[in-house]
Amino acid sequence: MAVNEGKLNNLRSQFVHELDAAMHAATIVVGDPLGRYKALTGAPATAQKPAGRTQTDPCYLRK
């Protein structure tokens, strides 16, 4: 049975795209109840300011 390389590459690409979207959604589900997105509203800030507002280590906000 011959494998269509073009279709296989498209399937891989779509799979990786969907996996990335699911992982991003997980960060939103976790970050919203912790108040991280609300702490980022307003003026631009370094990681220290929102970290202080959310009682989080700045290294987690940089990631």
PDB file of N, CA and C in Angstrom:
ATOM      1  N   MET A   1       0.848  -1.182   0.000  1.00  0.00           N
ATOM      2  CA  MET A   1       0.000   0.000   0.000  1.00  0.00           C
ATOM      3  C   MET A   1       0.888   1.239   0.000  1.00  0.00           C
ATOM      4  N   ALA A   2       0.661   2.106  -0.943  1.00  0.00           N
ATOM      5  CA  ALA A   2       1.467   3.315  -1.064  1.00  0.00           C
ATOM      6  C   ALA A   2       0.922   4.393  -0.120  1.00  0.00           C
ATOM      7  N   VAL A   3       1.845   5.106   0.482  1.00  0.00           N
ATOM      8  CA  VAL A   3       1.489   6.187   1.396  1.00  0.00           C
ATOM      9  C   VAL A   3       1.641   7.510   0.667  1.00  0.00           C
ATOM     10  N   ASN A   4       0.609   8.328   0.733  1.00  0.00           N
ATOM     11  CA  ASN A   4       0.652   9.649   0.120  1.00  0.00           C
ATOM     12  C   ASN A   4       1.378  10.572   1.095  1.00  0.00           C
ATOM     13  N   GLU A   5       2.610  10.908   0.776  1.00  0.00           N
ATOM     14  CA  GLU A   5       3.444  11.722   1.669  1.00  0.00           C
ATOM     15  C   GLU A   5       2.850  13.106   1.918  1.00  0.00           C
ATOM     16  N   GLY A   6       2.233  13.686   0.923  1.00  0.00           N
ATOM     17  CA  GLY A   6       1.630  15.010   1.065  1.00  0.00           C
ATOM     18  C   GLY A   6       0.504  15.006   2.087  1.00  0.00           C
ATOM     19  N   LYS A   7      -0.375  14.006   1.988  1.00  0.00           N
ATOM     20  CA  LYS A   7      -1.479  13.904   2.944  1.00  0.00           C
ATOM     21  C   LYS A   7      -0.964  13.600   4.349  1.00  0.00           C
ATOM     22  N   LEU A   8       0.054  12.761   4.429  1.00  0.00           N
ATOM     23  CA  LEU A   8       0.629  12.433   5.727  1.00  0.00           C
ATOM     24  C   LEU A   8       1.249  13.664   6.378  1.00  0.00           C
ATOM     25  N   ASN A   9       1.969  14.451   5.609  1.00  0.00           N
ATOM     26  CA  ASN A   9       2.564  15.679   6.151  1.00  0.00           C
ATOM     27  C   ASN A   9       1.495  16.678   6.580  1.00  0.00           C
ATOM     28  N   ASN A  10       0.409  16.785   5.815  1.00  0.00           N
ATOM     29  CA  ASN A  10      -0.692  17.669   6.199  1.00  0.00           C
ATOM     30  C   ASN A  10      -1.333  17.204   7.503  1.00  0.00           C
ATOM     31  N   LEU A  11      -1.507  15.896   7.652  1.00  0.00           N
ATOM     32  CA  LEU A  11      -2.086  15.345   8.870  1.00  0.00           C
ATOM     33  C   LEU A  11      -1.181  15.613  10.075  1.00  0.00           C
ATOM     34  N   ARG A  12       0.115  15.424   9.906  1.00  0.00           N
ATOM     35  CA  ARG A  12       1.063  15.717  10.992  1.00  0.00           C
ATOM     36  C   ARG A  12       1.020  17.181  11.387  1.00  0.00           C
ATOM     37  N   SER A  13       0.999  18.036  10.391  1.00  0.00           N
ATOM     38  CA  SER A  13       0.970  19.469  10.648  1.00  0.00           C
ATOM     39  C   SER A  13      -0.302  19.861  11.397  1.00  0.00           C
ATOM     40  N   GLN A  14      -1.428  19.343  10.975  1.00  0.00           N
ATOM     41  CA  GLN A  14      -2.695  19.649  11.633  1.00  0.00           C
ATOM     42  C   GLN A  14      -2.693  19.112  13.060  1.00  0.00           C
ATOM     43  N   PHE A  15      -2.149  17.919  13.274  1.00  0.00           N
ATOM     44  CA  PHE A  15      -2.081  17.331  14.602  1.00  0.00           C
ATOM     45  C   PHE A  15      -1.252  18.200  15.548  1.00  0.00           C
ATOM     46  N   VAL A  16      -0.103  18.643  15.087  1.00  0.00           N
ATOM     47  CA  VAL A  16       0.766  19.483  15.918  1.00  0.00           C
ATOM     48  C   VAL A  16       0.079  20.808  16.224  1.00  0.00           C
ATOM     49  N   HIS A  17      -0.600  21.381  15.241  1.00  0.00           N
ATOM     50  CA  HIS A  17      -1.326  22.636  15.442  1.00  0.00           C
ATOM     51  C   HIS A  17      -2.422  22.463  16.497  1.00  0.00           C
ATOM     52  N   GLU A  18      -3.194  21.386  16.410  1.00  0.00           N
ATOM     53  CA  GLU A  18      -4.270  21.136  17.369  1.00  0.00           C
ATOM     54  C   GLU A  18      -3.719  20.843  18.765  1.00  0.00           C
ATOM     55  N   LEU A  19      -2.616  20.138  18.838  1.00  0.00           N
ATOM     56  CA  LEU A  19      -1.996  19.861  20.130  1.00  0.00           C
ATOM     57  C   LEU A  19      -1.506  21.146  20.781  1.00  0.00           C
ATOM     58  N   ASP A  20      -0.924  22.030  19.994  1.00  0.00           N
ATOM     59  CA  ASP A  20      -0.471  23.321  20.503  1.00  0.00           C
ATOM     60  C   ASP A  20      -1.654  24.139  21.027  1.00  0.00           C
ATOM     61  N   ALA A  21      -2.765  24.127  20.309  1.00  0.00           N
ATOM     62  CA  ALA A  21      -3.955  24.861  20.746  1.00  0.00           C
ATOM     63  C   ALA A  21      -4.496  24.291  22.055  1.00  0.00           C
ATOM     64  N   ALA A  22      -4.493  22.986  22.192  1.00  0.00           N
ATOM     65  CA  ALA A  22      -4.971  22.365  23.432  1.00  0.00           C
ATOM     66  C   ALA A  22      -4.072  22.718  24.608  1.00  0.00           C
ATOM     67  N   MET A  23      -2.776  22.749  24.392  1.00  0.00           N
ATOM     68  CA  MET A  23      -1.851  23.099  25.474  1.00  0.00           C
ATOM     69  C   MET A  23      -2.016  24.562  25.865  1.00  0.00           C
ATOM     70  N   HIS A  24      -2.247  25.436  24.893  1.00  0.00           N
ATOM     71  CA  HIS A  24      -2.465  26.850  25.192  1.00  0.00           C
ATOM     72  C   HIS A  24      -3.765  27.037  25.971  1.00  0.00           C
ATOM     73  N   ALA A  25      -4.792  26.284  25.601  1.00  0.00           N
ATOM     74  CA  ALA A  25      -6.067  26.368  26.318  1.00  0.00           C
ATOM     75  C   ALA A  25      -5.890  25.955  27.777  1.00  0.00           C
ATOM     76  N   ALA A  26      -5.039  24.972  28.018  1.00  0.00           N
ATOM     77  CA  ALA A  26      -4.800  24.537  29.398  1.00  0.00           C
ATOM     78  C   ALA A  26      -4.161  25.650  30.220  1.00  0.00           C
ATOM     79  N   THR A  27      -3.275  26.435  29.622  1.00  0.00           N
ATOM     80  CA  THR A  27      -2.663  27.532  30.381  1.00  0.00           C
ATOM     81  C   THR A  27      -3.688  28.602  30.719  1.00  0.00           C
ATOM     82  N   ILE A  28      -4.649  28.805  29.845  1.00  0.00           N
ATOM     83  CA  ILE A  28      -5.704  29.781  30.123  1.00  0.00           C
ATOM     84  C   ILE A  28      -6.603  29.273  31.244  1.00  0.00           C
ATOM     85  N   VAL A  29      -6.948  27.997  31.206  1.00  0.00           N
ATOM     86  CA  VAL A  29      -7.809  27.417  32.246  1.00  0.00           C
ATOM     87  C   VAL A  29      -7.143  27.523  33.609  1.00  0.00           C
ATOM     88  N   VAL A  30      -5.846  27.357  33.676  1.00  0.00           N
ATOM     89  CA  VAL A  30      -5.130  27.450  34.945  1.00  0.00           C
ATOM     90  C   VAL A  30      -4.876  28.904  35.333  1.00  0.00           C
ATOM     91  N   GLY A  31      -4.501  29.736  34.377  1.00  0.00           N
ATOM     92  CA  GLY A  31      -4.121  31.116  34.667  1.00  0.00           C
ATOM     93  C   GLY A  31      -5.265  32.020  35.050  1.00  0.00           C
ATOM     94  N   ASP A  32      -6.450  31.769  34.525  1.00  0.00           N
ATOM     95  CA  ASP A  32      -7.577  32.655  34.812  1.00  0.00           C
ATOM     96  C   ASP A  32      -7.994  32.603  36.278  1.00  0.00           C
ATOM     97  N   PRO A  33      -8.210  31.442  36.875  1.00  0.00           N
ATOM     98  CA  PRO A  33      -8.596  31.430  38.291  1.00  0.00           C
ATOM     99  C   PRO A  33      -7.501  31.973  39.217  1.00  0.00           C
ATOM    100  N   LEU A  34      -6.262  31.894  38.795  1.00  0.00           N
ATOM    101  CA  LEU A  34      -5.165  32.411  39.619  1.00  0.00           C
ATOM    102  C   LEU A  34      -5.024  33.925  39.509  1.00  0.00           C
ATOM    103  N   GLY A  35      -5.788  34.536  38.617  1.00  0.00           N
ATOM    104  CA  GLY A  35      -5.769  35.981  38.473  1.00  0.00           C
ATOM    105  C   GLY A  35      -4.611  36.514  37.653  1.00  0.00           C
ATOM    106  N   ARG A  36      -3.948  35.666  36.913  1.00  0.00           N
ATOM    107  CA  ARG A  36      -2.771  36.100  36.165  1.00  0.00           C
ATOM    108  C   ARG A  36      -3.126  37.025  35.012  1.00  0.00           C
ATOM    109  N   TYR A  37      -4.212  36.776  34.340  1.00  0.00           N
ATOM    110  CA  TYR A  37      -4.579  37.630  33.206  1.00  0.00           C
ATOM    111  C   TYR A  37      -5.085  38.977  33.688  1.00  0.00           C
ATOM    112  N   LYS A  38      -5.807  38.992  34.783  1.00  0.00           N
ATOM    113  CA  LYS A  38      -6.279  40.259  35.344  1.00  0.00           C
ATOM    114  C   LYS A  38      -5.088  41.094  35.817  1.00  0.00           C
ATOM    115  N   ALA A  39      -4.051  40.451  36.352  1.00  0.00           N
ATOM    116  CA  ALA A  39      -2.864  41.165  36.825  1.00  0.00           C
ATOM    117  C   ALA A  39      -2.072  41.779  35.673  1.00  0.00           C
ATOM    118  N   LEU A  40      -2.262  41.275  34.457  1.00  0.00           N
ATOM    119  CA  LEU A  40      -1.533  41.796  33.302  1.00  0.00           C
ATOM    120  C   LEU A  40      -2.233  42.967  32.636  1.00  0.00           C
ATOM    121  N   THR A  41      -3.457  43.283  33.050  1.00  0.00           N
ATOM    122  CA  THR A  41      -4.169  44.397  32.432  1.00  0.00           C
ATOM    123  C   THR A  41      -3.550  45.716  32.864  1.00  0.00           C
ATOM    124  N   GLY A  42      -3.745  46.700  32.038  1.00  0.00           N
ATOM    125  CA  GLY A  42      -3.187  48.019  32.351  1.00  0.00           C
ATOM    126  C   GLY A  42      -1.886  48.244  31.622  1.00  0.00           C
ATOM    127  N   ALA A  43      -0.996  48.947  32.263  1.00  0.00           N
ATOM    128  CA  ALA A  43       0.281  49.308  31.650  1.00  0.00           C
ATOM    129  C   ALA A  43       1.194  48.090  31.507  1.00  0.00           C
ATOM    130  N   PRO A  44       2.075  48.111  30.510  1.00  0.00           N
ATOM    131  CA  PRO A  44       3.054  47.032  30.376  1.00  0.00           C
ATOM    132  C   PRO A  44       3.916  46.932  31.640  1.00  0.00           C
ATOM    133  N   ALA A  45       4.298  45.741  31.987  1.00  0.00           N
ATOM    134  CA  ALA A  45       5.052  45.535  33.222  1.00  0.00           C
ATOM    135  C   ALA A  45       6.050  44.398  33.050  1.00  0.00           C
ATOM    136  N   THR A  46       7.037  44.384  33.914  1.00  0.00           N
ATOM    137  CA  THR A  46       7.960  43.250  33.967  1.00  0.00           C
ATOM    138  C   THR A  46       7.251  42.115  34.714  1.00  0.00           C
ATOM    139  N   ALA A  47       7.867  40.981  34.788  1.00  0.00           N
ATOM    140  CA  ALA A  47       7.261  39.831  35.462  1.00  0.00           C
ATOM    141  C   ALA A  47       7.098  40.071  36.963  1.00  0.00           C
ATOM    142  N   GLN A  48       7.907  40.953  37.538  1.00  0.00           N
ATOM    143  CA  GLN A  48       7.842  41.177  38.978  1.00  0.00           C
ATOM    144  C   GLN A  48       6.513  41.781  39.426  1.00  0.00           C
ATOM    145  N   LYS A  49       5.984  42.730  38.680  1.00  0.00           N
ATOM    146  CA  LYS A  49       4.748  43.402  39.104  1.00  0.00           C
ATOM    147  C   LYS A  49       3.551  42.454  39.144  1.00  0.00           C
ATOM    148  N   PRO A  50       3.231  41.752  38.053  1.00  0.00           N
ATOM    149  CA  PRO A  50       2.100  40.820  38.151  1.00  0.00           C
ATOM    150  C   PRO A  50       2.370  39.665  39.122  1.00  0.00           C
ATOM    151  N   ALA A  51       3.637  39.289  39.273  1.00  0.00           N
ATOM    152  CA  ALA A  51       3.959  38.219  40.222  1.00  0.00           C
ATOM    153  C   ALA A  51       3.628  38.653  41.643  1.00  0.00           C
ATOM    154  N   GLY A  52       3.919  39.893  41.958  1.00  0.00           N
ATOM    155  CA  GLY A  52       3.580  40.398  43.283  1.00  0.00           C
ATOM    156  C   GLY A  52       2.081  40.462  43.491  1.00  0.00           C
ATOM    157  N   ARG A  53       1.351  40.835  42.459  1.00  0.00           N
ATOM    158  CA  ARG A  53      -0.116  40.924  42.568  1.00  0.00           C
ATOM    159  C   ARG A  53      -0.771  39.561  42.720  1.00  0.00           C
ATOM    160  N   THR A  54      -0.168  38.526  42.132  1.00  0.00           N
ATOM    161  CA  THR A  54      -0.768  37.185  42.173  1.00  0.00           C
ATOM    162  C   THR A  54      -0.055  36.247  43.144  1.00  0.00           C
ATOM    163  N   GLN A  55       0.925  36.758  43.857  1.00  0.00           N
ATOM    164  CA  GLN A  55       1.713  35.961  44.806  1.00  0.00           C
ATOM    165  C   GLN A  55       2.303  34.725  44.119  1.00  0.00           C
ATOM    166  N   THR A  56       2.937  34.979  42.981  1.00  0.00           N
ATOM    167  CA  THR A  56       3.540  33.935  42.169  1.00  0.00           C
ATOM    168  C   THR A  56       5.008  34.264  41.953  1.00  0.00           C
ATOM    169  N   ASP A  57       5.834  33.245  41.830  1.00  0.00           N
ATOM    170  CA  ASP A  57       7.240  33.463  41.527  1.00  0.00           C
ATOM    171  C   ASP A  57       7.356  34.020  40.107  1.00  0.00           C
ATOM    172  N   PRO A  58       8.136  35.088  39.898  1.00  0.00           N
ATOM    173  CA  PRO A  58       8.249  35.693  38.564  1.00  0.00           C
ATOM    174  C   PRO A  58       8.702  34.730  37.459  1.00  0.00           C
ATOM    175  N   CYS A  59       9.467  33.706  37.804  1.00  0.00           N
ATOM    176  CA  CYS A  59       9.935  32.792  36.764  1.00  0.00           C
ATOM    177  C   CYS A  59       8.776  32.065  36.094  1.00  0.00           C
ATOM    178  N   TYR A  60       7.667  31.835  36.801  1.00  0.00           N
ATOM    179  CA  TYR A  60       6.503  31.173  36.191  1.00  0.00           C
ATOM    180  C   TYR A  60       5.780  32.109  35.231  1.00  0.00           C
ATOM    181  N   LEU A  61       5.820  33.389  35.496  1.00  0.00           N
ATOM    182  CA  LEU A  61       5.142  34.335  34.605  1.00  0.00           C
ATOM    183  C   LEU A  61       5.955  34.609  33.356  1.00  0.00           C
ATOM    184  N   ARG A  62       7.266  34.496  33.429  1.00  0.00           N
ATOM    185  CA  ARG A  62       8.099  34.700  32.233  1.00  0.00           C
ATOM    186  C   ARG A  62       7.886  33.574  31.237  1.00  0.00           C
ATOM    187  N   LYS A  63       7.566  32.401  31.708  1.00  0.00           N
ATOM    188  CA  LYS A  63       7.375  31.243  30.821  1.00  0.00           C
ATOM    189  C   LYS A  63       6.032  31.342  30.196  1.00  0.00           C
TER     190      LYS A  63
END
